[in-house]
Amino acid sequence: MFESKYRNFVAAAPSGAAKKKHPGKAILAGGFAGGLEIMCTFPTEYVKTQLQLDSRAVTPRYTGIGDCIRKTFQSHGFFGFYRGLSSLLYGSIPKASVRFMGYEALRNRMVDEKGNLTQIRTVLCGLGAGVTEAIVVVCPMETVKVKFIHDQNQANPKYRGFFHGVREIVKQEGIRGTYQGLTATILKQGSNQAIRFFVFNNLKSYFQGGDNRKGNRGCQNLPLWWYCWRCQRLR
């Protein structure tokens, strides 16, 4: 009995009805989720970037995370943790849109006649989505984000806004200047999304008891949301 359940688990991860999902819906849902996510998590991203930049300084300003939070709040107040938000907000919305669009587009090509994906194909769909978002959005976004946040902390910032900053970076360094570390980003995002969608589909199937019609019934998805959120922060 156990072996039978194990073979069923390895064979396929239920992913919905046979009807294919339109990638356009994934673009809208992913964009909204991406914008909401970065609004909630940007303060931690800001502190992380500040500490990364500070570690390269000749005379570091911060002694640790707590010291960075305290000094930022004293100098700029609560909204000081949202300085440079636009650089990430403009990137997170298309990033999530491209991710879910890529996943659904690949999924539509790989599902069987019952609308199911095998475990391997689930991983491959996630991998493809991660590679796509890395090339199209994540790599240039990360490069611009670091440069923009660093500039906002200078005595005389040279970027008047996000789009002005992007224009100046491209003007000075070319398009190639926004693709620093592309290989590492592809490896990171590809593996990240392969694991994310594999875990997501299997946990969703588990909490739904194999019934895909239960997909939007509130609290039963909270454990799944929490797990995926932790995976995102740990990366």
Protein backbone atom coordinates (compact mmCIF):
# COMPACT_ATOMS: atom_id res chain seq x y z
CA MET A 1 0.00 0.00 0.00
CA PHE A 2 2.78 2.39 0.93
CA GLU A 3 4.71 1.53 -2.23
CA SER A 4 1.61 2.17 -4.34
CA LYS A 5 1.13 5.62 -2.84
CA TYR A 6 4.82 6.36 -3.32
CA ARG A 7 4.68 5.39 -7.01
CA ASN A 8 1.62 7.62 -7.48
CA PHE A 9 3.45 10.50 -5.82
CA VAL A 10 6.49 10.13 -8.05
CA ALA A 11 4.41 9.66 -11.17
CA ALA A 12 2.34 12.84 -11.17
CA ALA A 13 1.58 16.01 -9.31
CA PRO A 14 -2.05 17.04 -9.84
CA SER A 15 -2.08 20.55 -11.27
CA GLY A 16 -5.70 21.25 -12.07
CA ALA A 17 -8.36 20.34 -14.58
CA ALA A 18 -7.59 19.36 -18.13
CA LYS A 19 -8.54 22.85 -19.27
CA LYS A 20 -5.41 24.86 -19.90
CA LYS A 21 -4.84 28.14 -18.11
CA HIS A 22 -4.40 31.34 -20.06
CA PRO A 23 -0.96 32.94 -19.45
CA GLY A 24 -2.63 36.37 -19.48
CA LYS A 25 -4.31 35.62 -16.17
CA ALA A 26 -0.95 34.56 -14.76
CA ILE A 27 0.53 37.91 -15.84
CA LEU A 28 -2.12 39.90 -13.97
CA ALA A 29 -2.13 37.71 -10.85
CA GLY A 30 1.66 37.54 -10.75
CA GLY A 31 2.06 41.29 -11.21
CA PHE A 32 -0.34 42.08 -8.37
CA ALA A 33 1.31 39.54 -6.07
CA GLY A 34 4.77 40.84 -6.93
CA GLY A 35 3.83 44.43 -6.13
CA LEU A 36 2.22 43.48 -2.83
CA GLU A 37 5.18 41.30 -1.87
CA ILE A 38 7.77 44.01 -2.35
CA MET A 39 5.68 46.59 -0.49
CA CYS A 40 5.71 44.26 2.53
CA THR A 41 9.32 43.08 2.33
CA PHE A 42 11.24 46.10 1.02
CA PRO A 43 12.43 47.30 4.48
CA THR A 44 14.35 44.03 4.94
CA GLU A 45 15.73 44.33 1.40
CA TYR A 46 16.80 47.90 2.15
CA VAL A 47 18.66 46.94 5.33
CA LYS A 48 20.34 43.99 3.57
CA THR A 49 21.55 46.21 0.72
CA GLN A 50 22.77 48.87 3.14
CA LEU A 51 24.86 46.34 5.04
CA GLN A 52 26.26 44.89 1.81
CA LEU A 53 27.35 48.34 0.62
CA ASP A 54 28.64 49.27 4.08
CA SER A 55 30.87 46.18 4.22
CA ARG A 56 32.86 47.59 1.28
CA ALA A 57 33.35 51.02 2.86
CA VAL A 58 36.72 52.07 4.27
CA THR A 59 35.00 53.18 7.48
CA PRO A 60 31.81 51.14 8.08
CA ARG A 61 28.82 53.08 9.44
CA TYR A 62 26.95 50.13 10.93
CA THR A 63 27.92 47.49 13.47
CA GLY A 64 25.08 45.14 12.53
CA ILE A 65 21.44 44.77 11.54
CA GLY A 66 20.06 46.39 14.69
CA ASP A 67 22.41 49.35 14.40
CA CYS A 68 21.45 49.87 10.74
CA ILE A 69 17.74 49.84 11.60
CA ARG A 70 18.21 52.26 14.51
CA LYS A 71 20.32 54.77 12.59
CA THR A 72 18.07 54.68 9.53
CA PHE A 73 15.00 55.34 11.66
CA GLN A 74 16.73 58.17 13.54
CA SER A 75 17.91 59.83 10.34
CA HIS A 76 14.94 59.34 8.02
CA GLY A 77 12.02 57.99 10.07
CA PHE A 78 9.84 55.02 9.12
CA PHE A 79 9.70 55.91 5.44
CA GLY A 80 13.49 55.93 5.35
CA PHE A 81 13.24 52.15 4.99
CA TYR A 82 11.43 52.68 1.69
CA ARG A 83 14.09 54.85 0.05
CA GLY A 84 14.75 53.46 -3.41
CA LEU A 85 11.45 51.53 -3.40
CA SER A 86 10.67 52.47 -6.98
CA SER A 87 13.75 50.66 -8.30
CA LEU A 88 12.50 47.36 -6.89
CA LEU A 89 8.77 47.98 -7.32
CA TYR A 90 9.18 48.57 -11.05
CA GLY A 91 11.13 45.32 -11.23
CA SER A 92 9.10 43.08 -8.90
CA ILE A 93 5.81 43.51 -10.74
CA PRO A 94 7.16 42.42 -14.16
CA LYS A 95 9.36 39.77 -12.47
CA ALA A 96 6.40 37.97 -10.93
CA SER A 97 4.38 38.45 -14.12
CA VAL A 98 7.11 36.92 -16.29
CA ARG A 99 7.64 34.09 -13.79
CA PHE A 100 4.03 32.94 -13.71
CA MET A 101 3.47 33.58 -17.39
CA GLY A 102 6.52 31.44 -18.21
CA TYR A 103 5.40 28.69 -15.87
CA GLU A 104 1.85 28.55 -17.23
CA ALA A 105 3.06 28.67 -20.84
CA LEU A 106 5.39 25.72 -20.23
CA ARG A 107 2.81 23.90 -18.14
CA ASN A 108 0.22 24.15 -20.92
CA ARG A 109 2.66 22.40 -23.24
CA MET A 110 3.65 19.66 -20.79
CA VAL A 111 0.40 18.59 -19.10
CA ASP A 112 -1.19 15.29 -20.06
CA GLU A 113 -4.77 14.91 -21.31
CA LYS A 114 -6.03 15.02 -17.70
CA GLY A 115 -4.25 18.29 -16.93
CA ASN A 116 -1.55 16.70 -14.73
CA LEU A 117 2.19 17.23 -14.61
CA THR A 118 4.75 14.59 -13.69
CA GLN A 119 7.17 15.59 -10.95
CA ILE A 120 10.03 15.98 -13.42
CA ARG A 121 7.95 18.21 -15.70
CA THR A 122 6.88 20.31 -12.73
CA VAL A 123 10.56 20.91 -11.91
CA LEU A 124 11.34 21.69 -15.57
CA CYS A 125 8.46 24.18 -15.81
CA GLY A 126 9.71 25.93 -12.67
CA LEU A 127 13.27 25.89 -13.97
CA GLY A 128 12.18 27.44 -17.27
CA ALA A 129 10.19 30.13 -15.46
CA GLY A 130 13.19 30.98 -13.27
CA VAL A 131 15.61 31.22 -16.18
CA THR A 132 13.16 33.40 -18.11
CA GLU A 133 12.65 35.85 -15.25
CA ALA A 134 16.41 35.97 -14.59
CA ILE A 135 17.21 37.02 -18.16
CA VAL A 136 14.26 39.32 -18.79
CA VAL A 137 13.91 41.07 -15.43
CA VAL A 138 15.89 39.94 -12.38
CA CYS A 139 19.49 40.52 -13.47
CA PRO A 140 19.03 44.09 -14.76
CA MET A 141 16.68 44.88 -11.85
CA GLU A 142 19.18 43.75 -9.21
CA THR A 143 21.99 45.73 -10.81
CA VAL A 144 19.92 48.91 -11.02
CA LYS A 145 18.57 48.41 -7.47
CA VAL A 146 22.01 48.29 -5.86
CA LYS A 147 23.27 51.28 -7.85
CA PHE A 148 20.12 53.29 -7.12
CA ILE A 149 20.04 52.62 -3.36
CA HIS A 150 23.75 53.41 -3.14
CA ASP A 151 23.21 56.69 -4.98
CA GLN A 152 20.30 57.70 -2.71
CA ASN A 153 22.62 57.51 0.29
CA GLN A 154 25.18 59.89 -1.16
CA ALA A 155 25.36 63.53 -0.04
CA ASN A 156 24.47 64.65 -3.56
CA PRO A 157 22.51 61.93 -5.41
CA LYS A 158 23.03 62.07 -9.17
CA TYR A 159 19.86 60.16 -10.09
CA ARG A 160 16.69 62.27 -10.05
CA GLY A 161 14.44 59.23 -10.18
CA PHE A 162 14.28 55.61 -11.22
CA PHE A 163 13.94 56.15 -14.96
CA HIS A 164 16.58 58.88 -14.96
CA GLY A 165 18.88 56.50 -13.08
CA VAL A 166 18.30 53.69 -15.59
CA ARG A 167 18.95 56.07 -18.48
CA GLU A 168 22.20 57.28 -16.93
CA ILE A 169 23.43 53.76 -16.14
CA VAL A 170 22.74 52.56 -19.68
CA LYS A 171 24.31 55.73 -21.11
CA GLN A 172 27.50 55.24 -19.11
CA GLU A 173 27.83 51.45 -19.12
CA GLY A 174 25.58 50.27 -21.93
CA ILE A 175 23.01 47.47 -21.74
CA ARG A 176 25.78 45.10 -20.73
CA GLY A 177 26.26 47.18 -17.59
CA THR A 178 22.83 46.08 -16.35
CA TYR A 179 23.64 42.40 -16.86
CA GLN A 180 26.48 42.00 -14.38
CA GLY A 181 26.45 38.54 -12.82
CA LEU A 182 23.97 37.07 -15.33
CA THR A 183 25.21 33.47 -15.06
CA ALA A 184 24.96 33.45 -11.27
CA THR A 185 21.50 35.02 -11.45
CA ILE A 186 20.27 32.38 -13.91
CA LEU A 187 21.56 29.58 -11.66
CA LYS A 188 19.98 31.17 -8.58
CA GLN A 189 16.58 31.96 -10.08
CA GLY A 190 16.34 28.74 -12.07
CA SER A 191 16.98 26.52 -9.05
CA ASN A 192 14.84 28.76 -6.83
CA GLN A 193 11.76 28.52 -9.03
CA ALA A 194 12.26 24.83 -9.81
CA ILE A 195 12.13 24.10 -6.06
CA ARG A 196 9.36 26.66 -5.45
CA PHE A 197 6.90 25.24 -7.98
CA PHE A 198 7.74 21.64 -7.09
CA VAL A 199 7.03 22.31 -3.40
CA PHE A 200 4.03 24.51 -4.21
CA ASN A 201 2.26 21.95 -6.38
CA ASN A 202 2.88 19.05 -4.03
CA LEU A 203 1.90 20.91 -0.87
CA LYS A 204 -1.19 22.30 -2.59
CA SER A 205 -2.19 18.80 -3.64
CA TYR A 206 -1.54 17.50 -0.11
CA PHE A 207 -3.59 20.19 1.66
CA GLN A 208 -6.41 19.80 -0.84
CA GLY A 209 -6.45 16.04 -0.35
CA GLY A 210 -6.03 15.57 -4.10
CA ASP A 211 -9.19 17.59 -4.84
CA ASN A 212 -8.19 20.51 -7.09
CA ARG A 213 -11.63 22.09 -6.74
CA LYS A 214 -10.65 23.25 -3.25
CA GLY A 215 -8.10 25.66 -4.62
CA ASN A 216 -9.44 28.90 -3.17
CA ARG A 217 -10.85 28.03 0.22
CA GLY A 218 -9.00 30.42 2.47
CA CYS A 219 -7.12 29.16 5.53
CA GLN A 220 -6.22 25.72 4.22
CA ASN A 221 -3.59 27.45 2.02
CA LEU A 222 -1.94 29.40 4.87
CA PRO A 223 0.66 26.68 5.67
CA LEU A 224 1.60 26.62 1.97
CA TRP A 225 1.87 30.41 1.80
CA TRP A 226 4.05 30.48 4.92
CA TYR A 227 6.39 27.79 3.60
CA CYS A 228 6.85 29.44 0.22
CA TRP A 229 7.40 32.84 1.86
CA ARG A 230 10.16 31.36 4.03
CA CYS A 231 11.78 29.80 0.96
CA GLN A 232 11.77 33.20 -0.74
CA ARG A 233 13.36 35.01 2.20
CA LEU A 234 16.03 32.35 2.73
CA ARG A 235 17.29 32.55 -0.86
